[in-house]
């Protein structure tokens, strides 16, 4: 409108002049409308372009993240498939495989693995029985092994021969045997004889903070990488004494004598009766 006024400032107000003015004004208005539409299209195009760039950037970022994650996922999947293949191979192998054989004193344990299941075969020595506490029997722990002066004519495999003091002693499962005629007799081992492995079921005790090892009336001291038999230390307290003991009544109290040592019964905090060495040979 401003342009029309500038071009025709002096038009008269007649009909012809008005018609001519309108004819000139319409193209100007049309051109302004067209330019406004073109500006709006251009601005819309720029907005769409910027939005498209932002969308492309987000898509590229997402792709990069997926690309960074994909190898670890692939590796994890491959690892799982590999472990699955390994486990399937183990399951397909049904042939038994003996893992190990453990010899624990009187018990031999063979472990056999079949189809990922462990089968434990136990071969137990018939001479071994699990000891059960008995307050009325001072030798309850050793009640199922040969007592002193028992005669034996043969030994199973695994025994040892120990030459000491002019005798060929036999040693088997913590028991010492001395030759007598054509047989062997159970004895208390002589002081000074030694072994290199303690018997199954031994107990470690302390007397004046010094450690001793005890089994069936025999006390060991660890010397020079061996376990040497020593005299029963006075003050030692043990849970059970060997079978074959003798009883002595002194001032109304019962004492027990075995292998030259004298024991006095003492009551422990848990109510059990143990035995303290009060005299030794």
C-alpha atoms as a PDB file:
ATOM      1  CA  UNK A   1       0.000   0.000   0.000  1.00  0.00           C
ATOM      2  CA  UNK A   2       2.856   2.357   0.761  1.00  0.00           C
ATOM      3  CA  UNK A   3       4.330   1.648  -2.652  1.00  0.00           C
ATOM      4  CA  UNK A   4       0.995   2.410  -4.353  1.00  0.00           C
ATOM      5  CA  UNK A   5       0.696   5.692  -2.518  1.00  0.00           C
ATOM      6  CA  UNK A   6       4.195   6.670  -3.515  1.00  0.00           C
ATOM      7  CA  UNK A   7       3.601   5.818  -7.189  1.00  0.00           C
ATOM      8  CA  UNK A   8       0.278   7.542  -7.443  1.00  0.00           C
ATOM      9  CA  UNK A   9       0.125  10.345  -4.942  1.00  0.00           C
ATOM     10  CA  UNK A  10      -1.956  12.630  -7.078  1.00  0.00           C
ATOM     11  CA  UNK A  11      -4.761  10.333  -8.385  1.00  0.00           C
ATOM     12  CA  UNK A  12      -8.117  11.837  -8.470  1.00  0.00           C
ATOM     13  CA  UNK A  13     -11.117  10.371  -6.770  1.00  0.00           C
ATOM     14  CA  UNK A  14     -13.117   9.572  -9.860  1.00  0.00           C
ATOM     15  CA  UNK A  15     -14.337   6.173 -10.864  1.00  0.00           C
ATOM     16  CA  UNK A  16     -11.836   5.705 -13.609  1.00  0.00           C
ATOM     17  CA  UNK A  17      -9.071   6.758 -11.386  1.00  0.00           C
ATOM     18  CA  UNK A  18     -10.261   4.319  -8.666  1.00  0.00           C
ATOM     19  CA  UNK A  19     -10.474   1.446 -11.119  1.00  0.00           C
ATOM     20  CA  UNK A  20      -7.024   2.181 -12.434  1.00  0.00           C
ATOM     21  CA  UNK A  21      -5.731   2.391  -8.891  1.00  0.00           C
ATOM     22  CA  UNK A  22      -7.223  -1.007  -8.021  1.00  0.00           C
ATOM     23  CA  UNK A  23      -5.742  -2.540 -11.155  1.00  0.00           C
ATOM     24  CA  UNK A  24      -2.347  -1.328 -10.102  1.00  0.00           C
ATOM     25  CA  UNK A  25      -2.836  -2.274  -6.456  1.00  0.00           C
ATOM     26  CA  UNK A  26      -3.804  -5.954  -7.004  1.00  0.00           C
ATOM     27  CA  UNK A  27      -0.468  -7.053  -8.525  1.00  0.00           C
ATOM     28  CA  UNK A  28       1.374  -5.356  -5.693  1.00  0.00           C
ATOM     29  CA  UNK A  29      -0.723  -7.164  -3.081  1.00  0.00           C
ATOM     30  CA  UNK A  30      -0.344 -10.441  -4.933  1.00  0.00           C
ATOM     31  CA  UNK A  31       3.415 -10.007  -5.103  1.00  0.00           C
ATOM     32  CA  UNK A  32       3.544  -9.253  -1.350  1.00  0.00           C
ATOM     33  CA  UNK A  33       1.416 -12.317  -0.600  1.00  0.00           C
ATOM     34  CA  UNK A  34       3.628 -14.475  -2.824  1.00  0.00           C
ATOM     35  CA  UNK A  35       6.801 -13.187  -1.209  1.00  0.00           C
ATOM     36  CA  UNK A  36       5.341 -13.834   2.277  1.00  0.00           C
ATOM     37  CA  UNK A  37       4.411 -17.383   1.278  1.00  0.00           C
ATOM     38  CA  UNK A  38       7.884 -17.905  -0.164  1.00  0.00           C
ATOM     39  CA  UNK A  39       9.431 -16.617   3.065  1.00  0.00           C
ATOM     40  CA  UNK A  40       7.244 -18.977   5.098  1.00  0.00           C
ATOM     41  CA  UNK A  41       8.205 -21.927   2.868  1.00  0.00           C
ATOM     42  CA  UNK A  42      11.888 -21.056   3.166  1.00  0.00           C
ATOM     43  CA  UNK A  43      11.665 -20.755   6.931  1.00  0.00           C
ATOM     44  CA  UNK A  44       9.713 -24.031   7.118  1.00  0.00           C
ATOM     45  CA  UNK A  45      12.356 -25.668   4.950  1.00  0.00           C
ATOM     46  CA  UNK A  46      15.134 -24.374   7.169  1.00  0.00           C
ATOM     47  CA  UNK A  47      13.329 -25.678  10.264  1.00  0.00           C
ATOM     48  CA  UNK A  48      12.796 -29.056   8.636  1.00  0.00           C
ATOM     49  CA  UNK A  49      16.456 -29.150   7.637  1.00  0.00           C
ATOM     50  CA  UNK A  50      17.638 -28.332  11.135  1.00  0.00           C
ATOM     51  CA  UNK A  51      15.235 -30.904  12.589  1.00  0.00           C
ATOM     52  CA  UNK A  52      16.467 -33.471  10.094  1.00  0.00           C
ATOM     53  CA  UNK A  53      20.079 -32.724  11.040  1.00  0.00           C
ATOM     54  CA  UNK A  54      19.249 -33.082  14.736  1.00  0.00           C
ATOM     55  CA  UNK A  55      17.439 -36.370  14.036  1.00  0.00           C
ATOM     56  CA  UNK A  56      20.373 -37.627  11.964  1.00  0.00           C
ATOM     57  CA  UNK A  57      22.787 -36.709  14.729  1.00  0.00           C
ATOM     58  CA  UNK A  58      20.671 -38.590  17.284  1.00  0.00           C
ATOM     59  CA  UNK A  59      20.460 -41.602  14.979  1.00  0.00           C
ATOM     60  CA  UNK A  60      24.228 -41.521  14.422  1.00  0.00           C
ATOM     61  CA  UNK A  61      24.823 -41.324  18.177  1.00  0.00           C
ATOM     62  CA  UNK A  62      22.455 -44.247  18.762  1.00  0.00           C
ATOM     63  CA  UNK A  63      24.165 -46.279  16.032  1.00  0.00           C
ATOM     64  CA  UNK A  64      27.567 -45.565  17.564  1.00  0.00           C
ATOM     65  CA  UNK A  65      26.332 -46.661  20.971  1.00  0.00           C
ATOM     66  CA  UNK A  66      24.848 -49.846  19.541  1.00  0.00           C
ATOM     67  CA  UNK A  67      28.031 -50.417  17.592  1.00  0.00           C
ATOM     68  CA  UNK A  68      30.105 -50.048  20.790  1.00  0.00           C
ATOM     69  CA  UNK A  69      27.860 -52.409  22.726  1.00  0.00           C
ATOM     70  CA  UNK A  70      27.359 -55.015  20.028  1.00  0.00           C
ATOM     71  CA  UNK A  71      30.855 -56.627  20.200  1.00  0.00           C
ATOM     72  CA  UNK A  72      30.621 -57.274  23.964  1.00  0.00           C
ATOM     73  CA  UNK A  73      27.156 -58.777  23.565  1.00  0.00           C
ATOM     74  CA  UNK A  74      28.405 -60.913  20.726  1.00  0.00           C
ATOM     75  CA  UNK A  75      31.383 -62.023  22.779  1.00  0.00           C
ATOM     76  CA  UNK A  76      29.102 -62.834  25.697  1.00  0.00           C
ATOM     77  CA  UNK A  77      26.814 -64.874  23.503  1.00  0.00           C
ATOM     78  CA  UNK A  78      29.768 -66.711  22.036  1.00  0.00           C
ATOM     79  CA  UNK A  79      31.138 -67.409  25.489  1.00  0.00           C
ATOM     80  CA  UNK A  80      27.822 -68.808  26.626  1.00  0.00           C
ATOM     81  CA  UNK A  81      27.548 -70.960  23.554  1.00  0.00           C
ATOM     82  CA  UNK A  82      31.090 -72.166  24.106  1.00  0.00           C
ATOM     83  CA  UNK A  83      30.333 -73.094  27.721  1.00  0.00           C
ATOM     84  CA  UNK A  84      27.159 -74.806  26.587  1.00  0.00           C
ATOM     85  CA  UNK A  85      29.134 -76.810  24.076  1.00  0.00           C
ATOM     86  CA  UNK A  86      31.629 -77.728  26.771  1.00  0.00           C
ATOM     87  CA  UNK A  87      28.928 -78.845  29.192  1.00  0.00           C
ATOM     88  CA  UNK A  88      27.221 -80.840  26.461  1.00  0.00           C
ATOM     89  CA  UNK A  89      30.499 -82.534  25.680  1.00  0.00           C
ATOM     90  CA  UNK A  90      30.898 -83.419  29.376  1.00  0.00           C
ATOM     91  CA  UNK A  91      27.386 -84.767  29.540  1.00  0.00           C
ATOM     92  CA  UNK A  92      27.927 -86.881  26.454  1.00  0.00           C
ATOM     93  CA  UNK A  93      30.974 -88.515  28.022  1.00  0.00           C
ATOM     94  CA  UNK A  94      29.409 -91.227  30.181  1.00  0.00           C
ATOM     95  CA  UNK A  95      32.577 -93.205  30.750  1.00  0.00           C
ATOM     96  CA  UNK A  96      33.523 -93.298  34.488  1.00  0.00           C
ATOM     97  CA  UNK A  97      36.627 -91.415  35.557  1.00  0.00           C
ATOM     98  CA  UNK A  98      38.292 -92.097  38.903  1.00  0.00           C
ATOM     99  CA  UNK A  99      39.281 -88.728  40.331  1.00  0.00           C
ATOM    100  CA  UNK A 100      41.301 -89.707  43.360  1.00  0.00           C
ATOM    101  CA  UNK A 101      41.805 -92.274  46.080  1.00  0.00           C
ATOM    102  CA  UNK A 102      42.076 -91.064  49.662  1.00  0.00           C
ATOM    103  CA  UNK A 103      43.480 -93.239  52.405  1.00  0.00           C
ATOM    104  CA  UNK A 104      42.406 -91.937  55.790  1.00  0.00           C
ATOM    105  CA  UNK A 105      43.744 -94.293  58.404  1.00  0.00           C
ATOM    106  CA  UNK A 106      41.294 -97.177  58.547  1.00  0.00           C
ATOM    107  CA  UNK A 107      39.103 -95.933  55.679  1.00  0.00           C
ATOM    108  CA  UNK A 108      39.853 -96.077  51.944  1.00  0.00           C
ATOM    109  CA  UNK A 109      37.705 -93.744  49.813  1.00  0.00           C
ATOM    110  CA  UNK A 110      37.466 -94.115  46.027  1.00  0.00           C
ATOM    111  CA  UNK A 111      35.608 -91.370  44.192  1.00  0.00           C
ATOM    112  CA  UNK A 112      34.106 -92.184  40.807  1.00  0.00           C
ATOM    113  CA  UNK A 113      32.454 -89.543  38.594  1.00  0.00           C
ATOM    114  CA  UNK A 114      29.694 -90.699  36.230  1.00  0.00           C
ATOM    115  CA  UNK A 115      27.633 -88.151  34.257  1.00  0.00           C
ATOM    116  CA  UNK A 116      28.551 -85.283  36.603  1.00  0.00           C
ATOM    117  CA  UNK A 117      27.360 -87.295  39.628  1.00  0.00           C
ATOM    118  CA  UNK A 118      29.869 -88.272  42.307  1.00  0.00           C
ATOM    119  CA  UNK A 119      29.704 -91.812  43.641  1.00  0.00           C
ATOM    120  CA  UNK A 120      31.695 -92.363  46.842  1.00  0.00           C
ATOM    121  CA  UNK A 121      32.768 -95.918  47.553  1.00  0.00           C
ATOM    122  CA  UNK A 122      33.960 -96.530  51.104  1.00  0.00           C
ATOM    123  CA  UNK A 123      35.931 -99.557  52.172  1.00  0.00           C
ATOM    124  CA  UNK A 124      35.948 -99.537  55.966  1.00  0.00           C
ATOM    125  CA  UNK A 125      38.200-101.637  58.157  1.00  0.00           C
ATOM    126  CA  UNK A 126      35.993-104.017  60.126  1.00  0.00           C
ATOM    127  CA  UNK A 127      38.150-103.468  63.220  1.00  0.00           C
ATOM    128  CA  UNK A 128      37.259 -99.783  63.375  1.00  0.00           C
ATOM    129  CA  UNK A 129      34.164 -98.534  65.172  1.00  0.00           C
ATOM    130  CA  UNK A 130      33.305 -94.962  65.935  1.00  0.00           C
ATOM    131  CA  UNK A 131      33.913 -94.399  69.670  1.00  0.00           C
ATOM    132  CA  UNK A 132      31.027 -93.157  71.823  1.00  0.00           C
ATOM    133  CA  UNK A 133      31.537 -91.408  75.137  1.00  0.00           C
ATOM    134  CA  UNK A 134      30.751 -93.567  78.166  1.00  0.00           C
ATOM    135  CA  UNK A 135      31.227 -92.077  81.611  1.00  0.00           C
ATOM    136  CA  UNK A 136      31.277 -95.544  83.180  1.00  0.00           C
ATOM    137  CA  UNK A 137      34.133 -96.779  80.968  1.00  0.00           C
ATOM    138  CA  UNK A 138      37.451 -94.868  81.268  1.00  0.00           C
ATOM    139  CA  UNK A 139      38.762 -96.584  78.090  1.00  0.00           C
ATOM    140  CA  UNK A 140      35.660 -95.805  75.976  1.00  0.00           C
ATOM    141  CA  UNK A 141      37.645 -94.266  73.115  1.00  0.00           C
ATOM    142  CA  UNK A 142      39.969 -97.267  72.792  1.00  0.00           C
ATOM    143  CA  UNK A 143      37.488-100.014  73.683  1.00  0.00           C
ATOM    144  CA  UNK A 144      37.439-101.401  70.117  1.00  0.00           C
ATOM    145  CA  UNK A 145      41.188-101.807  69.585  1.00  0.00           C
ATOM    146  CA  UNK A 146      43.465-104.546  70.984  1.00  0.00           C
ATOM    147  CA  UNK A 147      44.221-103.999  74.665  1.00  0.00           C
ATOM    148  CA  UNK A 148      47.514-104.666  76.435  1.00  0.00           C
ATOM    149  CA  UNK A 149      48.823-108.294  76.430  1.00  0.00           C
ATOM    150  CA  UNK A 150      46.634-109.314  73.479  1.00  0.00           C
ATOM    151  CA  UNK A 151      48.365-112.021  71.344  1.00  0.00           C
ATOM    152  CA  UNK A 152      48.476-111.730  67.568  1.00  0.00           C
ATOM    153  CA  UNK A 153      49.954-114.181  65.094  1.00  0.00           C
ATOM    154  CA  UNK A 154      49.479-112.340  61.789  1.00  0.00           C
ATOM    155  CA  UNK A 155      49.172-108.782  60.496  1.00  0.00           C
ATOM    156  CA  UNK A 156      47.397-107.219  57.517  1.00  0.00           C
ATOM    157  CA  UNK A 157      49.354-105.348  54.892  1.00  0.00           C
ATOM    158  CA  UNK A 158      50.501-101.923  55.981  1.00  0.00           C
ATOM    159  CA  UNK A 159      52.242-102.815  59.231  1.00  0.00           C
ATOM    160  CA  UNK A 160      55.770-101.601  59.975  1.00  0.00           C
ATOM    161  CA  UNK A 161      58.772-103.286  61.539  1.00  0.00           C
ATOM    162  CA  UNK A 162      60.729-101.085  63.966  1.00  0.00           C
ATOM    163  CA  UNK A 163      64.035-102.351  65.299  1.00  0.00           C
ATOM    164  CA  UNK A 164      64.691-100.869  68.729  1.00  0.00           C
ATOM    165  CA  UNK A 165      66.584-102.120  71.778  1.00  0.00           C
ATOM    166  CA  UNK A 166      67.329-105.467  70.195  1.00  0.00           C
ATOM    167  CA  UNK A 167      63.704-106.269  69.321  1.00  0.00           C
ATOM    168  CA  UNK A 168      61.915-106.186  65.995  1.00  0.00           C
ATOM    169  CA  UNK A 169      58.671-104.496  67.035  1.00  0.00           C
ATOM    170  CA  UNK A 170      55.624-104.470  64.825  1.00  0.00           C
ATOM    171  CA  UNK A 171      53.589-101.292  64.544  1.00  0.00           C
ATOM    172  CA  UNK A 172      50.102-101.095  63.073  1.00  0.00           C
ATOM    173  CA  UNK A 173      47.364 -98.441  63.464  1.00  0.00           C
ATOM    174  CA  UNK A 174      48.924 -96.891  66.562  1.00  0.00           C
ATOM    175  CA  UNK A 175      49.490-100.211  68.348  1.00  0.00           C
ATOM    176  CA  UNK A 176      52.941-101.589  69.205  1.00  0.00           C
ATOM    177  CA  UNK A 177      53.613-105.359  69.255  1.00  0.00           C
ATOM    178  CA  UNK A 178      56.651-107.099  70.692  1.00  0.00           C
ATOM    179  CA  UNK A 179      57.727-110.522  69.432  1.00  0.00           C
ATOM    180  CA  UNK A 180      56.958-113.383  71.817  1.00  0.00           C
ATOM    181  CA  UNK A 181      57.733-116.973  70.751  1.00  0.00           C
ATOM    182  CA  UNK A 182      56.037-117.367  67.364  1.00  0.00           C
ATOM    183  CA  UNK A 183      53.567-114.522  67.879  1.00  0.00           C
ATOM    184  CA  UNK A 184      53.384-110.887  68.936  1.00  0.00           C
ATOM    185  CA  UNK A 185      51.925-109.336  72.083  1.00  0.00           C
ATOM    186  CA  UNK A 186      50.406-105.854  72.522  1.00  0.00           C
ATOM    187  CA  UNK A 187      52.562-103.672  74.762  1.00  0.00           C
ATOM    188  CA  UNK A 188      53.066-100.107  75.850  1.00  0.00           C
ATOM    189  CA  UNK A 189      55.878 -98.839  73.592  1.00  0.00           C
ATOM    190  CA  UNK A 190      59.320 -98.369  75.178  1.00  0.00           C
ATOM    191  CA  UNK A 191      60.471 -94.842  75.955  1.00  0.00           C
ATOM    192  CA  UNK A 192      62.578 -93.494  73.090  1.00  0.00           C
ATOM    193  CA  UNK A 193      61.082 -95.476  70.204  1.00  0.00           C
ATOM    194  CA  UNK A 194      59.765 -93.178  67.471  1.00  0.00           C
ATOM    195  CA  UNK A 195      57.475 -93.076  64.446  1.00  0.00           C
ATOM    196  CA  UNK A 196      57.258 -90.574  61.599  1.00  0.00           C
ATOM    197  CA  UNK A 197      53.456 -90.364  61.309  1.00  0.00           C
ATOM    198  CA  UNK A 198      50.940 -90.044  64.112  1.00  0.00           C
ATOM    199  CA  UNK A 199      48.094 -92.568  64.238  1.00  0.00           C
ATOM    200  CA  UNK A 200      44.570 -91.656  63.211  1.00  0.00           C
ATOM    201  CA  UNK A 201      42.613 -90.362  66.200  1.00  0.00           C
ATOM    202  CA  UNK A 202      45.527 -88.865  68.134  1.00  0.00           C
ATOM    203  CA  UNK A 203      44.947 -85.866  70.424  1.00  0.00           C
ATOM    204  CA  UNK A 204      47.192 -82.869  70.957  1.00  0.00           C
ATOM    205  CA  UNK A 205      47.414 -81.784  74.580  1.00  0.00           C
ATOM    206  CA  UNK A 206      49.369 -79.058  76.372  1.00  0.00           C
ATOM    207  CA  UNK A 207      51.207 -79.371  79.679  1.00  0.00           C
ATOM    208  CA  UNK A 208      52.653 -76.080  80.925  1.00  0.00           C
ATOM    209  CA  UNK A 209      52.110 -74.665  77.399  1.00  0.00           C
ATOM    210  CA  UNK A 210      54.200 -77.446  75.843  1.00  0.00           C
ATOM    211  CA  UNK A 211      52.520 -79.619  73.188  1.00  0.00           C
ATOM    212  CA  UNK A 212      52.348 -83.407  73.399  1.00  0.00           C
ATOM    213  CA  UNK A 213      50.543 -85.909  71.202  1.00  0.00           C
ATOM    214  CA  UNK A 214      48.479 -88.614  72.845  1.00  0.00           C
ATOM    215  CA  UNK A 215      46.976 -91.878  71.660  1.00  0.00           C
ATOM    216  CA  UNK A 216      45.856 -94.912  73.694  1.00  0.00           C
ATOM    217  CA  UNK A 217      48.047 -94.232  76.733  1.00  0.00           C
ATOM    218  CA  UNK A 218      51.126 -93.299  74.658  1.00  0.00           C
ATOM    219  CA  UNK A 219      52.595 -89.788  74.735  1.00  0.00           C
ATOM    220  CA  UNK A 220      54.707 -88.462  71.860  1.00  0.00           C
ATOM    221  CA  UNK A 221      57.100 -85.538  71.654  1.00  0.00           C
ATOM    222  CA  UNK A 222      57.978 -84.075  68.258  1.00  0.00           C
ATOM    223  CA  UNK A 223      61.756 -84.232  67.815  1.00  0.00           C
ATOM    224  CA  UNK A 224      63.981 -84.185  64.748  1.00  0.00           C
ATOM    225  CA  UNK A 225      61.031 -84.610  62.356  1.00  0.00           C
ATOM    226  CA  UNK A 226      59.842 -87.703  64.251  1.00  0.00           C
ATOM    227  CA  UNK A 227      57.409 -88.432  67.058  1.00  0.00           C
ATOM    228  CA  UNK A 228      59.282 -89.948  69.989  1.00  0.00           C
ATOM    229  CA  UNK A 229      57.599 -91.849  72.828  1.00  0.00           C
ATOM    230  CA  UNK A 230      58.115 -90.118  76.187  1.00  0.00           C
ATOM    231  CA  UNK A 231      57.075 -90.760  79.783  1.00  0.00           C
ATOM    232  CA  UNK A 232      53.543 -89.530  80.638  1.00  0.00           C
ATOM    233  CA  UNK A 233      53.917 -85.872  81.700  1.00  0.00           C
ATOM    234  CA  UNK A 234      52.481 -85.129  85.146  1.00  0.00           C
ATOM    235  CA  UNK A 235      49.541 -82.780  84.827  1.00  0.00           C
ATOM    236  CA  UNK A 236      48.405 -84.050  81.420  1.00  0.00           C
ATOM    237  CA  UNK A 237      44.619 -84.430  81.155  1.00  0.00           C
ATOM    238  CA  UNK A 238      43.237 -86.909  78.608  1.00  0.00           C
ATOM    239  CA  UNK A 239      39.692 -87.958  77.755  1.00  0.00           C
ATOM    240  CA  UNK A 240      40.291 -91.730  77.857  1.00  0.00           C
ATOM    241  CA  UNK A 241      42.907 -94.247  78.999  1.00  0.00           C
ATOM    242  CA  UNK A 242      43.836 -97.652  77.535  1.00  0.00           C
ATOM    243  CA  UNK A 243      41.922-100.821  78.315  1.00  0.00           C
ATOM    244  CA  UNK A 244      43.580-103.169  80.781  1.00  0.00           C
ATOM    245  CA  UNK A 245      43.912-100.578  83.562  1.00  0.00           C
ATOM    246  CA  UNK A 246      43.823-101.392  87.285  1.00  0.00           C
ATOM    247  CA  UNK A 247      41.858 -99.501  89.922  1.00  0.00           C
ATOM    248  CA  UNK A 248      43.216 -98.282  93.243  1.00  0.00           C
ATOM    249  CA  UNK A 249      41.037 -96.957  96.071  1.00  0.00           C
ATOM    250  CA  UNK A 250      42.722 -94.207  98.113  1.00  0.00           C
ATOM    251  CA  UNK A 251      40.789 -92.331 100.814  1.00  0.00           C
ATOM    252  CA  UNK A 252      37.523 -93.351  99.264  1.00  0.00           C
ATOM    253  CA  UNK A 253      38.501 -92.134  95.757  1.00  0.00           C
ATOM    254  CA  UNK A 254      39.143 -94.388  92.769  1.00  0.00           C
ATOM    255  CA  UNK A 255      42.376 -93.987  90.813  1.00  0.00           C
ATOM    256  CA  UNK A 256      43.430 -95.803  87.664  1.00  0.00           C
ATOM    257  CA  UNK A 257      46.849 -97.294  86.955  1.00  0.00           C
ATOM    258  CA  UNK A 258      48.006 -98.341  83.485  1.00  0.00           C
ATOM    259  CA  UNK A 259      51.445 -98.553  81.817  1.00  0.00           C
ATOM    260  CA  UNK A 260      53.067 -97.420  85.081  1.00  0.00           C
ATOM    261  CA  UNK A 261      51.131 -94.115  85.201  1.00  0.00           C
ATOM    262  CA  UNK A 262      48.440 -93.213  87.717  1.00  0.00           C
ATOM    263  CA  UNK A 263      45.372 -91.206  86.693  1.00  0.00           C
ATOM    264  CA  UNK A 264      42.855 -89.257  88.729  1.00  0.00           C
ATOM    265  CA  UNK A 265      39.337 -88.662  87.326  1.00  0.00           C
ATOM    266  CA  UNK A 266      38.441 -84.969  86.896  1.00  0.00           C
ATOM    267  CA  UNK A 267      35.133 -83.478  85.791  1.00  0.00           C
ATOM    268  CA  UNK A 268      35.265 -81.062  82.871  1.00  0.00           C
ATOM    269  CA  UNK A 269      33.080 -78.007  82.265  1.00  0.00           C
ATOM    270  CA  UNK A 270      30.872 -79.999  79.870  1.00  0.00           C
ATOM    271  CA  UNK A 271      30.233 -82.641  82.531  1.00  0.00           C
ATOM    272  CA  UNK A 272      32.479 -85.321  81.028  1.00  0.00           C
ATOM    273  CA  UNK A 273      34.955 -87.234  83.177  1.00  0.00           C
ATOM    274  CA  UNK A 274      38.561 -86.999  81.977  1.00  0.00           C
ATOM    275  CA  UNK A 275      41.751 -88.338  83.552  1.00  0.00           C
ATOM    276  CA  UNK A 276      44.758 -86.447  84.874  1.00  0.00           C
ATOM    277  CA  UNK A 277      48.252 -87.892  85.228  1.00  0.00           C
ATOM    278  CA  UNK A 278      49.320 -87.561  88.870  1.00  0.00           C
ATOM    279  CA  UNK A 279      52.237 -90.056  88.825  1.00  0.00           C
ATOM    280  CA  UNK A 280      54.428 -91.369  86.018  1.00  0.00           C
ATOM    281  CA  UNK A 281      56.955 -94.162  85.671  1.00  0.00           C
END
